[in-house]
Amino acid sequence: MSSATSKSNAPETALRRQQQILGHLRGGKDKQQPTAIDPKSAISHIAIYGAGIMGSGIAQVAAQAGYNVTLWDVTQADIDRGLHAIRSSLARSARKTGQTGDQIKSILARISSTTDQLSACASADLVIEAIVEKLSIKQDLFERINAAAKRSCIFATNTSSLLIRDIAAKLCDERKQRMVALHFFNP
């Protein structure tokens, strides 16, 4: 096969391999055609680090989608501001959509909070980092929570400008394989 031919088939081959892997991971009988997976069967608890505009918005969206969320920040005052922003956003949404008070309470009941960095991720299936955009601080956070998080936990960064490989530099190879970018726009 010429190098020109192999280069032109590379995306197709990569896609086919990805489908095989996904099919295998999802337990599909046909490894070429992955079976559908319900994200809620693989992820039920999300830990969100950072209760600012982005973190609180992500927490709200996740709770509205039915996930249990733990919201972490450095101080209780930071968390309180984030929870206030969530309540205000839900109230605005309820006025527009007609959601009931009980529906809003149900969403809020899925959100817990803590200033304990390690306990926030102890039972999480997915960690989403939405803290200050400074490499050393992000690296330190992931390095600290690595031991407390389940081995199966996926680490995600909401970075908009830093490289994932740089953020994950202090993590072991196994954890680096479970590190992704999950960028949200301002919710």
N, C-alpha and C. Protein backbone atom coordinates (compact mmCIF):
# COMPACT_ATOMS: atom_id res chain seq x y z
N MET A 1 0.85 -1.17 0.00
CA MET A 1 0.00 0.00 0.00
C MET A 1 0.90 1.23 0.00
N SER A 2 0.63 2.18 -0.86
CA SER A 2 1.44 3.40 -0.92
C SER A 2 1.12 4.28 0.27
N SER A 3 2.07 5.18 0.59
CA SER A 3 1.84 6.06 1.73
C SER A 3 0.67 7.00 1.46
N ALA A 4 0.45 7.39 0.20
CA ALA A 4 -0.68 8.26 -0.13
C ALA A 4 -2.00 7.54 0.14
N THR A 5 -2.07 6.24 -0.23
CA THR A 5 -3.28 5.47 0.01
C THR A 5 -3.52 5.28 1.50
N SER A 6 -2.45 4.95 2.24
CA SER A 6 -2.63 4.71 3.67
C SER A 6 -3.03 5.99 4.40
N LYS A 7 -2.52 7.14 3.97
CA LYS A 7 -2.90 8.40 4.60
C LYS A 7 -4.36 8.73 4.32
N SER A 8 -4.83 8.46 3.11
CA SER A 8 -6.22 8.78 2.79
C SER A 8 -7.19 7.86 3.51
N ASN A 9 -6.77 6.65 3.86
CA ASN A 9 -7.63 5.71 4.57
C ASN A 9 -7.48 5.83 6.09
N ALA A 10 -6.52 6.61 6.55
CA ALA A 10 -6.24 6.70 7.98
C ALA A 10 -7.47 7.12 8.79
N PRO A 11 -8.19 8.18 8.41
CA PRO A 11 -9.37 8.55 9.21
C PRO A 11 -10.43 7.45 9.24
N GLU A 12 -10.64 6.79 8.11
CA GLU A 12 -11.63 5.72 8.04
C GLU A 12 -11.21 4.54 8.91
N THR A 13 -9.92 4.19 8.87
CA THR A 13 -9.40 3.09 9.67
C THR A 13 -9.50 3.43 11.15
N ALA A 14 -9.15 4.67 11.51
CA ALA A 14 -9.24 5.10 12.90
C ALA A 14 -10.69 5.05 13.39
N LEU A 15 -11.62 5.50 12.57
CA LEU A 15 -13.03 5.47 12.94
C LEU A 15 -13.50 4.02 13.13
N ARG A 16 -13.12 3.15 12.22
CA ARG A 16 -13.51 1.74 12.32
C ARG A 16 -12.95 1.13 13.62
N ARG A 17 -11.70 1.43 13.95
CA ARG A 17 -11.09 0.91 15.17
C ARG A 17 -11.80 1.46 16.41
N GLN A 18 -12.14 2.74 16.37
CA GLN A 18 -12.84 3.35 17.49
C GLN A 18 -14.21 2.69 17.69
N GLN A 19 -14.90 2.40 16.59
CA GLN A 19 -16.20 1.72 16.69
C GLN A 19 -16.04 0.32 17.28
N GLN A 20 -14.97 -0.37 16.91
CA GLN A 20 -14.72 -1.69 17.46
C GLN A 20 -14.49 -1.62 18.97
N ILE A 21 -13.68 -0.67 19.38
CA ILE A 21 -13.38 -0.52 20.80
C ILE A 21 -14.63 -0.16 21.58
N LEU A 22 -15.41 0.80 21.08
CA LEU A 22 -16.64 1.19 21.76
C LEU A 22 -17.62 0.03 21.83
N GLY A 23 -17.72 -0.73 20.75
CA GLY A 23 -18.61 -1.88 20.75
C GLY A 23 -18.20 -2.90 21.80
N HIS A 24 -16.90 -3.13 21.92
CA HIS A 24 -16.39 -4.06 22.92
C HIS A 24 -16.67 -3.55 24.33
N LEU A 25 -16.39 -2.27 24.57
CA LEU A 25 -16.60 -1.70 25.89
C LEU A 25 -18.06 -1.72 26.29
N ARG A 26 -18.93 -1.54 25.34
CA ARG A 26 -20.37 -1.50 25.61
C ARG A 26 -21.00 -2.87 25.62
N GLY A 27 -20.22 -3.91 25.34
CA GLY A 27 -20.75 -5.26 25.39
C GLY A 27 -21.54 -5.64 24.16
N GLY A 28 -21.35 -4.93 23.07
CA GLY A 28 -22.07 -5.22 21.84
C GLY A 28 -21.63 -6.54 21.24
N LYS A 29 -22.58 -7.27 20.64
CA LYS A 29 -22.25 -8.55 20.01
C LYS A 29 -21.47 -8.32 18.72
N ASP A 30 -21.85 -7.31 17.98
CA ASP A 30 -21.17 -6.98 16.73
C ASP A 30 -20.16 -5.89 17.04
N LYS A 31 -18.89 -6.25 17.03
CA LYS A 31 -17.85 -5.30 17.41
C LYS A 31 -17.74 -4.14 16.43
N GLN A 32 -18.28 -4.28 15.24
CA GLN A 32 -18.25 -3.20 14.27
C GLN A 32 -19.32 -2.15 14.56
N GLN A 33 -20.43 -2.56 15.14
CA GLN A 33 -21.54 -1.67 15.41
C GLN A 33 -21.76 -1.58 16.92
N PRO A 34 -21.27 -0.52 17.55
CA PRO A 34 -21.46 -0.42 19.00
C PRO A 34 -22.93 -0.30 19.37
N THR A 35 -23.25 -0.87 20.52
CA THR A 35 -24.62 -0.76 21.01
C THR A 35 -24.79 0.58 21.72
N ALA A 36 -26.01 1.04 21.80
CA ALA A 36 -26.29 2.31 22.47
C ALA A 36 -26.03 2.15 23.97
N ILE A 37 -25.56 3.21 24.58
CA ILE A 37 -25.31 3.18 26.01
C ILE A 37 -26.00 4.37 26.65
N ASP A 38 -26.58 4.14 27.79
CA ASP A 38 -27.20 5.22 28.54
C ASP A 38 -26.13 5.79 29.47
N PRO A 39 -25.74 7.06 29.29
CA PRO A 39 -24.69 7.63 30.13
C PRO A 39 -24.99 7.51 31.62
N LYS A 40 -26.26 7.54 31.99
CA LYS A 40 -26.61 7.47 33.40
C LYS A 40 -26.34 6.09 33.98
N SER A 41 -26.20 5.06 33.14
CA SER A 41 -25.85 3.75 33.68
C SER A 41 -24.36 3.67 34.00
N ALA A 42 -23.55 4.49 33.37
CA ALA A 42 -22.11 4.51 33.62
C ALA A 42 -21.73 5.64 34.57
N ILE A 43 -22.48 6.72 34.56
CA ILE A 43 -22.18 7.88 35.39
C ILE A 43 -23.43 8.27 36.16
N SER A 44 -23.33 8.25 37.48
CA SER A 44 -24.47 8.68 38.29
C SER A 44 -24.10 9.84 39.20
N HIS A 45 -22.83 9.96 39.54
CA HIS A 45 -22.39 11.01 40.45
C HIS A 45 -21.26 11.82 39.81
N ILE A 46 -21.45 13.12 39.77
CA ILE A 46 -20.46 14.03 39.18
C ILE A 46 -19.97 14.98 40.25
N ALA A 47 -18.65 15.07 40.39
CA ALA A 47 -18.04 16.05 41.30
C ALA A 47 -17.55 17.21 40.45
N ILE A 48 -17.91 18.41 40.85
CA ILE A 48 -17.52 19.61 40.11
C ILE A 48 -16.66 20.47 41.02
N TYR A 49 -15.45 20.74 40.55
CA TYR A 49 -14.51 21.56 41.31
C TYR A 49 -14.54 22.97 40.77
N GLY A 50 -15.00 23.89 41.61
CA GLY A 50 -15.15 25.29 41.23
C GLY A 50 -16.62 25.65 41.20
N ALA A 51 -17.04 26.55 42.08
CA ALA A 51 -18.46 26.94 42.17
C ALA A 51 -18.70 28.32 41.58
N GLY A 52 -17.79 28.78 40.73
CA GLY A 52 -17.97 30.08 40.08
C GLY A 52 -19.02 30.00 38.99
N ILE A 53 -18.97 30.93 38.07
CA ILE A 53 -19.97 30.99 36.99
C ILE A 53 -20.02 29.68 36.22
N MET A 54 -18.86 29.19 35.80
CA MET A 54 -18.84 27.95 35.02
C MET A 54 -19.23 26.74 35.86
N GLY A 55 -18.58 26.58 37.01
CA GLY A 55 -18.85 25.41 37.84
C GLY A 55 -20.29 25.32 38.30
N SER A 56 -20.85 26.43 38.73
CA SER A 56 -22.25 26.40 39.18
C SER A 56 -23.19 26.14 38.01
N GLY A 57 -22.86 26.68 36.84
CA GLY A 57 -23.68 26.41 35.66
C GLY A 57 -23.64 24.95 35.25
N ILE A 58 -22.45 24.36 35.31
CA ILE A 58 -22.30 22.93 34.99
C ILE A 58 -23.05 22.09 36.00
N ALA A 59 -22.96 22.45 37.29
CA ALA A 59 -23.68 21.71 38.34
C ALA A 59 -25.18 21.76 38.09
N GLN A 60 -25.69 22.92 37.72
CA GLN A 60 -27.11 23.06 37.46
C GLN A 60 -27.55 22.18 36.30
N VAL A 61 -26.82 22.25 35.20
CA VAL A 61 -27.18 21.47 34.01
C VAL A 61 -27.13 19.97 34.31
N ALA A 62 -26.09 19.55 35.05
CA ALA A 62 -25.97 18.12 35.40
C ALA A 62 -27.13 17.68 36.29
N ALA A 63 -27.49 18.49 37.29
CA ALA A 63 -28.60 18.14 38.17
C ALA A 63 -29.92 18.13 37.41
N GLN A 64 -30.10 19.07 36.49
CA GLN A 64 -31.32 19.09 35.68
C GLN A 64 -31.41 17.84 34.80
N ALA A 65 -30.25 17.30 34.42
CA ALA A 65 -30.24 16.08 33.60
C ALA A 65 -30.42 14.82 34.43
N GLY A 66 -30.52 14.99 35.77
CA GLY A 66 -30.80 13.84 36.63
C GLY A 66 -29.60 13.27 37.34
N TYR A 67 -28.44 13.88 37.21
CA TYR A 67 -27.24 13.39 37.89
C TYR A 67 -27.15 13.94 39.30
N ASN A 68 -26.58 13.14 40.20
CA ASN A 68 -26.24 13.63 41.52
C ASN A 68 -24.92 14.38 41.41
N VAL A 69 -24.85 15.53 42.04
CA VAL A 69 -23.70 16.43 41.88
C VAL A 69 -23.16 16.82 43.24
N THR A 70 -21.83 16.83 43.36
CA THR A 70 -21.18 17.43 44.52
C THR A 70 -20.39 18.62 44.00
N LEU A 71 -20.68 19.77 44.55
CA LEU A 71 -20.04 21.02 44.14
C LEU A 71 -19.00 21.38 45.20
N TRP A 72 -17.75 21.56 44.78
CA TRP A 72 -16.66 21.90 45.69
C TRP A 72 -16.12 23.28 45.38
N ASP A 73 -15.73 23.99 46.42
CA ASP A 73 -14.92 25.19 46.27
C ASP A 73 -14.13 25.40 47.55
N VAL A 74 -13.24 26.36 47.53
CA VAL A 74 -12.30 26.59 48.63
C VAL A 74 -13.01 27.02 49.90
N THR A 75 -13.98 27.91 49.78
CA THR A 75 -14.68 28.41 50.97
C THR A 75 -16.18 28.18 50.86
N GLN A 76 -16.83 28.16 52.01
CA GLN A 76 -18.28 28.01 52.02
C GLN A 76 -18.94 29.22 51.37
N ALA A 77 -18.34 30.39 51.52
CA ALA A 77 -18.89 31.60 50.89
C ALA A 77 -18.90 31.46 49.36
N ASP A 78 -17.84 30.86 48.80
CA ASP A 78 -17.80 30.63 47.36
C ASP A 78 -18.90 29.66 46.93
N ILE A 79 -19.08 28.62 47.72
CA ILE A 79 -20.13 27.64 47.42
C ILE A 79 -21.50 28.30 47.53
N ASP A 80 -21.71 29.07 48.57
CA ASP A 80 -23.00 29.75 48.76
C ASP A 80 -23.34 30.66 47.58
N ARG A 81 -22.33 31.38 47.07
CA ARG A 81 -22.56 32.22 45.88
C ARG A 81 -22.95 31.37 44.68
N GLY A 82 -22.28 30.23 44.51
CA GLY A 82 -22.60 29.34 43.41
C GLY A 82 -24.01 28.77 43.52
N LEU A 83 -24.39 28.34 44.72
CA LEU A 83 -25.73 27.79 44.93
C LEU A 83 -26.79 28.88 44.74
N HIS A 84 -26.49 30.10 45.17
CA HIS A 84 -27.42 31.21 44.95
C HIS A 84 -27.62 31.45 43.45
N ALA A 85 -26.53 31.38 42.69
CA ALA A 85 -26.63 31.56 41.24
C ALA A 85 -27.50 30.46 40.62
N ILE A 86 -27.36 29.24 41.10
CA ILE A 86 -28.16 28.12 40.60
C ILE A 86 -29.63 28.35 40.91
N ARG A 87 -29.93 28.71 42.16
CA ARG A 87 -31.34 28.95 42.54
C ARG A 87 -31.95 30.09 41.70
N SER A 88 -31.19 31.15 41.49
CA SER A 88 -31.68 32.28 40.69
C SER A 88 -31.94 31.86 39.25
N SER A 89 -31.01 31.09 38.69
CA SER A 89 -31.16 30.63 37.31
C SER A 89 -32.37 29.71 37.16
N LEU A 90 -32.55 28.81 38.14
CA LEU A 90 -33.71 27.91 38.09
C LEU A 90 -35.02 28.69 38.23
N ALA A 91 -35.04 29.71 39.05
CA ALA A 91 -36.25 30.53 39.22
C ALA A 91 -36.59 31.24 37.91
N ARG A 92 -35.56 31.80 37.25
CA ARG A 92 -35.80 32.45 35.93
C ARG A 92 -36.33 31.44 34.92
N SER A 93 -35.72 30.27 34.92
CA SER A 93 -36.14 29.21 34.00
C SER A 93 -37.57 28.77 34.28
N ALA A 94 -37.92 28.66 35.56
CA ALA A 94 -39.28 28.24 35.93
C ALA A 94 -40.33 29.24 35.45
N ARG A 95 -40.00 30.51 35.53
CA ARG A 95 -40.94 31.53 35.06
C ARG A 95 -41.18 31.38 33.55
N LYS A 96 -40.16 31.01 32.83
CA LYS A 96 -40.27 30.88 31.37
C LYS A 96 -40.90 29.56 30.95
N THR A 97 -40.59 28.49 31.68
CA THR A 97 -41.02 27.16 31.26
C THR A 97 -42.21 26.61 32.02
N GLY A 98 -42.53 27.24 33.14
CA GLY A 98 -43.65 26.75 33.94
C GLY A 98 -43.29 25.60 34.86
N GLN A 99 -42.00 25.39 35.11
CA GLN A 99 -41.61 24.35 36.06
C GLN A 99 -42.21 24.67 37.42
N THR A 100 -42.57 23.62 38.14
CA THR A 100 -43.17 23.81 39.45
C THR A 100 -42.10 23.93 40.53
N GLY A 101 -42.50 24.39 41.68
CA GLY A 101 -41.60 24.47 42.83
C GLY A 101 -41.04 23.10 43.20
N ASP A 102 -41.89 22.07 43.08
CA ASP A 102 -41.43 20.72 43.40
C ASP A 102 -40.34 20.26 42.43
N GLN A 103 -40.48 20.62 41.15
CA GLN A 103 -39.46 20.25 40.17
C GLN A 103 -38.14 20.94 40.48
N ILE A 104 -38.21 22.21 40.86
CA ILE A 104 -37.01 22.96 41.22
C ILE A 104 -36.37 22.35 42.47
N LYS A 105 -37.19 22.01 43.47
CA LYS A 105 -36.66 21.39 44.69
C LYS A 105 -35.98 20.06 44.38
N SER A 106 -36.55 19.32 43.45
CA SER A 106 -35.97 18.03 43.06
C SER A 106 -34.59 18.22 42.43
N ILE A 107 -34.46 19.23 41.59
CA ILE A 107 -33.16 19.52 40.97
C ILE A 107 -32.16 19.92 42.04
N LEU A 108 -32.55 20.84 42.92
CA LEU A 108 -31.65 21.31 43.98
C LEU A 108 -31.27 20.19 44.94
N ALA A 109 -32.16 19.23 45.16
CA ALA A 109 -31.87 18.11 46.06
C ALA A 109 -30.77 17.21 45.52
N ARG A 110 -30.53 17.25 44.22
CA ARG A 110 -29.47 16.44 43.62
C ARG A 110 -28.10 17.10 43.75
N ILE A 111 -28.04 18.32 44.29
CA ILE A 111 -26.77 19.03 44.43
C ILE A 111 -26.38 19.10 45.90
N SER A 112 -25.24 18.51 46.22
CA SER A 112 -24.66 18.67 47.55
C SER A 112 -23.39 19.50 47.39
N SER A 113 -22.84 19.96 48.49
CA SER A 113 -21.64 20.79 48.40
C SER A 113 -20.70 20.47 49.54
N THR A 114 -19.43 20.83 49.33
CA THR A 114 -18.42 20.61 50.36
C THR A 114 -17.20 21.48 50.09
N THR A 115 -16.46 21.75 51.15
CA THR A 115 -15.16 22.39 51.01
C THR A 115 -14.05 21.36 51.21
N ASP A 116 -14.42 20.10 51.42
CA ASP A 116 -13.45 19.01 51.58
C ASP A 116 -13.09 18.47 50.20
N GLN A 117 -11.91 18.82 49.77
CA GLN A 117 -11.49 18.50 48.41
C GLN A 117 -11.49 17.00 48.11
N LEU A 118 -11.07 16.18 49.06
CA LEU A 118 -10.97 14.75 48.81
C LEU A 118 -12.31 14.04 48.88
N SER A 119 -13.16 14.41 49.82
CA SER A 119 -14.46 13.74 49.92
C SER A 119 -15.36 14.07 48.74
N ALA A 120 -15.14 15.22 48.11
CA ALA A 120 -15.98 15.62 46.97
C ALA A 120 -15.95 14.58 45.85
N CYS A 121 -14.81 13.94 45.66
CA CYS A 121 -14.68 13.01 44.53
C CYS A 121 -14.72 11.54 44.93
N ALA A 122 -14.85 11.24 46.20
CA ALA A 122 -14.73 9.86 46.69
C ALA A 122 -15.67 8.88 45.99
N SER A 123 -16.89 9.29 45.70
CA SER A 123 -17.84 8.37 45.05
C SER A 123 -18.19 8.81 43.63
N ALA A 124 -17.45 9.77 43.11
CA ALA A 124 -17.77 10.32 41.78
C ALA A 124 -17.35 9.37 40.66
N ASP A 125 -18.17 9.35 39.62
CA ASP A 125 -17.85 8.61 38.39
C ASP A 125 -17.18 9.54 37.39
N LEU A 126 -17.42 10.84 37.57
CA LEU A 126 -16.87 11.86 36.69
C LEU A 126 -16.52 13.07 37.54
N VAL A 127 -15.30 13.58 37.37
CA VAL A 127 -14.86 14.81 38.01
C VAL A 127 -14.71 15.84 36.91
N ILE A 128 -15.33 17.00 37.10
CA ILE A 128 -15.18 18.10 36.15
C ILE A 128 -14.52 19.26 36.88
N GLU A 129 -13.39 19.67 36.39
CA GLU A 129 -12.64 20.78 36.99
C GLU A 129 -13.00 22.06 36.25
N ALA A 130 -13.43 23.07 37.02
CA ALA A 130 -13.78 24.38 36.45
C ALA A 130 -13.22 25.46 37.36
N ILE A 131 -11.92 25.35 37.63
CA ILE A 131 -11.27 26.32 38.52
C ILE A 131 -10.48 27.32 37.69
N VAL A 132 -9.75 28.18 38.36
CA VAL A 132 -8.97 29.24 37.72
C VAL A 132 -8.07 28.66 36.62
N GLU A 133 -7.91 29.41 35.56
CA GLU A 133 -7.17 28.96 34.38
C GLU A 133 -5.67 29.15 34.58
N LYS A 134 -5.12 28.41 35.55
CA LYS A 134 -3.69 28.47 35.86
C LYS A 134 -3.18 27.03 35.95
N LEU A 135 -2.22 26.70 35.11
CA LEU A 135 -1.75 25.33 34.96
C LEU A 135 -1.34 24.70 36.29
N SER A 136 -0.51 25.35 37.06
CA SER A 136 0.00 24.74 38.30
C SER A 136 -1.13 24.44 39.28
N ILE A 137 -2.13 25.28 39.34
CA ILE A 137 -3.25 25.04 40.26
C ILE A 137 -4.08 23.86 39.79
N LYS A 138 -4.32 23.76 38.49
CA LYS A 138 -5.07 22.62 37.95
C LYS A 138 -4.29 21.31 38.18
N GLN A 139 -2.97 21.33 37.91
CA GLN A 139 -2.15 20.14 38.13
C GLN A 139 -2.20 19.71 39.58
N ASP A 140 -2.07 20.66 40.50
CA ASP A 140 -2.09 20.33 41.93
C ASP A 140 -3.43 19.74 42.34
N LEU A 141 -4.52 20.29 41.83
CA LEU A 141 -5.84 19.75 42.16
C LEU A 141 -5.94 18.29 41.72
N PHE A 142 -5.64 18.01 40.46
CA PHE A 142 -5.77 16.64 39.97
C PHE A 142 -4.82 15.69 40.68
N GLU A 143 -3.63 16.15 41.00
CA GLU A 143 -2.68 15.31 41.72
C GLU A 143 -3.23 14.96 43.11
N ARG A 144 -3.82 15.92 43.81
CA ARG A 144 -4.37 15.68 45.15
C ARG A 144 -5.57 14.74 45.12
N ILE A 145 -6.48 14.94 44.18
CA ILE A 145 -7.71 14.13 44.21
C ILE A 145 -7.51 12.75 43.57
N ASN A 146 -6.40 12.54 42.89
CA ASN A 146 -6.15 11.28 42.21
C ASN A 146 -6.28 10.08 43.14
N ALA A 147 -5.69 10.15 44.32
CA ALA A 147 -5.73 9.02 45.25
C ALA A 147 -7.11 8.82 45.87
N ALA A 148 -7.87 9.87 46.01
CA ALA A 148 -9.19 9.77 46.64
C ALA A 148 -10.27 9.30 45.67
N ALA A 149 -10.07 9.52 44.39
CA ALA A 149 -11.09 9.16 43.38
C ALA A 149 -11.03 7.67 43.07
N LYS A 150 -12.18 7.12 42.69
CA LYS A 150 -12.24 5.72 42.26
C LYS A 150 -11.33 5.54 41.04
N ARG A 151 -10.79 4.36 40.88
CA ARG A 151 -9.93 4.08 39.71
C ARG A 151 -10.69 4.27 38.41
N SER A 152 -11.98 4.01 38.43
CA SER A 152 -12.79 4.11 37.21
C SER A 152 -13.25 5.53 36.92
N CYS A 153 -13.00 6.44 37.83
CA CYS A 153 -13.46 7.82 37.67
C CYS A 153 -12.78 8.50 36.49
N ILE A 154 -13.57 9.21 35.72
CA ILE A 154 -13.05 9.97 34.58
C ILE A 154 -12.75 11.38 35.08
N PHE A 155 -11.58 11.88 34.75
CA PHE A 155 -11.21 13.25 35.09
C PHE A 155 -11.43 14.12 33.86
N ALA A 156 -12.09 15.24 34.03
CA ALA A 156 -12.34 16.16 32.92
C ALA A 156 -11.94 17.57 33.33
N THR A 157 -11.39 18.29 32.38
CA THR A 157 -11.06 19.68 32.61
C THR A 157 -11.90 20.55 31.70
N ASN A 158 -12.32 21.67 32.21
CA ASN A 158 -13.11 22.61 31.44
C ASN A 158 -12.22 23.71 30.86
N THR A 159 -10.95 23.44 30.75
CA THR A 159 -10.01 24.46 30.28
C THR A 159 -10.39 24.96 28.88
N SER A 160 -10.08 26.20 28.66
CA SER A 160 -10.32 26.76 27.33
C SER A 160 -9.01 27.12 26.63
N SER A 161 -7.89 26.98 27.35
CA SER A 161 -6.63 27.40 26.73
C SER A 161 -5.43 26.53 27.04
N LEU A 162 -5.53 25.65 28.01
CA LEU A 162 -4.38 24.83 28.40
C LEU A 162 -4.46 23.45 27.76
N LEU A 163 -3.31 22.84 27.56
CA LEU A 163 -3.26 21.50 26.98
C LEU A 163 -3.56 20.45 28.04
N ILE A 164 -4.35 19.46 27.67
CA ILE A 164 -4.72 18.40 28.60
C ILE A 164 -3.48 17.65 29.06
N ARG A 165 -2.57 17.37 28.14
CA ARG A 165 -1.36 16.62 28.52
C ARG A 165 -0.57 17.37 29.58
N ASP A 166 -0.57 18.70 29.52
CA ASP A 166 0.14 19.49 30.53
C ASP A 166 -0.60 19.44 31.87
N ILE A 167 -1.91 19.52 31.84
CA ILE A 167 -2.70 19.46 33.08
C ILE A 167 -2.52 18.09 33.74
N ALA A 168 -2.46 17.03 32.95
CA ALA A 168 -2.35 15.66 33.46
C ALA A 168 -0.92 15.22 33.71
N ALA A 169 0.05 16.10 33.55
CA ALA A 169 1.47 15.73 33.62
C ALA A 169 1.86 15.02 34.91
N LYS A 170 1.24 15.36 36.03
CA LYS A 170 1.62 14.78 37.32
C LYS A 170 0.85 13.51 37.66
N LEU A 171 -0.01 13.06 36.75
CA LEU A 171 -0.83 11.87 37.01
C LEU A 171 -0.15 10.62 36.47
N CYS A 172 -0.49 9.47 37.03
CA CYS A 172 0.05 8.21 36.52
C CYS A 172 -0.55 7.92 35.15
N ASP A 173 0.10 7.03 34.41
CA ASP A 173 -0.35 6.74 33.04
C ASP A 173 -1.78 6.21 33.00
N GLU A 174 -2.15 5.38 33.98
CA GLU A 174 -3.52 4.84 34.01
C GLU A 174 -4.55 5.97 34.10
N ARG A 175 -4.29 6.95 34.94
CA ARG A 175 -5.24 8.05 35.10
C ARG A 175 -5.22 8.95 33.87
N LYS A 176 -4.05 9.13 33.26
CA LYS A 176 -3.97 9.96 32.05
C LYS A 176 -4.87 9.40 30.96
N GLN A 177 -5.07 8.08 30.94
CA GLN A 177 -5.94 7.45 29.95
C GLN A 177 -7.41 7.77 30.20
N ARG A 178 -7.72 8.27 31.38
CA ARG A 178 -9.10 8.59 31.75
C ARG A 178 -9.27 10.09 31.94
N MET A 179 -8.43 10.87 31.27
CA MET A 179 -8.47 12.33 31.37
C MET A 179 -8.96 12.90 30.05
N VAL A 180 -9.95 13.78 30.12
CA VAL A 180 -10.54 14.35 28.90
C VAL A 180 -10.76 15.84 29.06
N ALA A 181 -10.94 16.48 27.94
CA ALA A 181 -11.41 17.88 27.94
C ALA A 181 -12.92 17.83 27.78
N LEU A 182 -13.60 18.57 28.58
CA LEU A 182 -15.06 18.63 28.52
C LEU A 182 -15.41 20.09 28.68
N HIS A 183 -15.32 20.81 27.58
CA HIS A 183 -15.45 22.26 27.67
C HIS A 183 -16.90 22.68 27.51
N PHE A 184 -17.35 23.45 28.46
CA PHE A 184 -18.69 24.01 28.43
C PHE A 184 -18.55 25.49 28.09
N PHE A 185 -19.49 25.98 27.33
CA PHE A 185 -19.57 27.42 27.13
C PHE A 185 -20.33 27.98 28.32
N ASN A 186 -20.23 29.24 28.56
CA ASN A 186 -20.88 29.84 29.71
C ASN A 186 -22.37 29.50 29.67
N PRO A 187 -22.82 28.65 30.62
CA PRO A 187 -24.21 28.17 30.58
C PRO A 187 -25.25 29.27 30.76
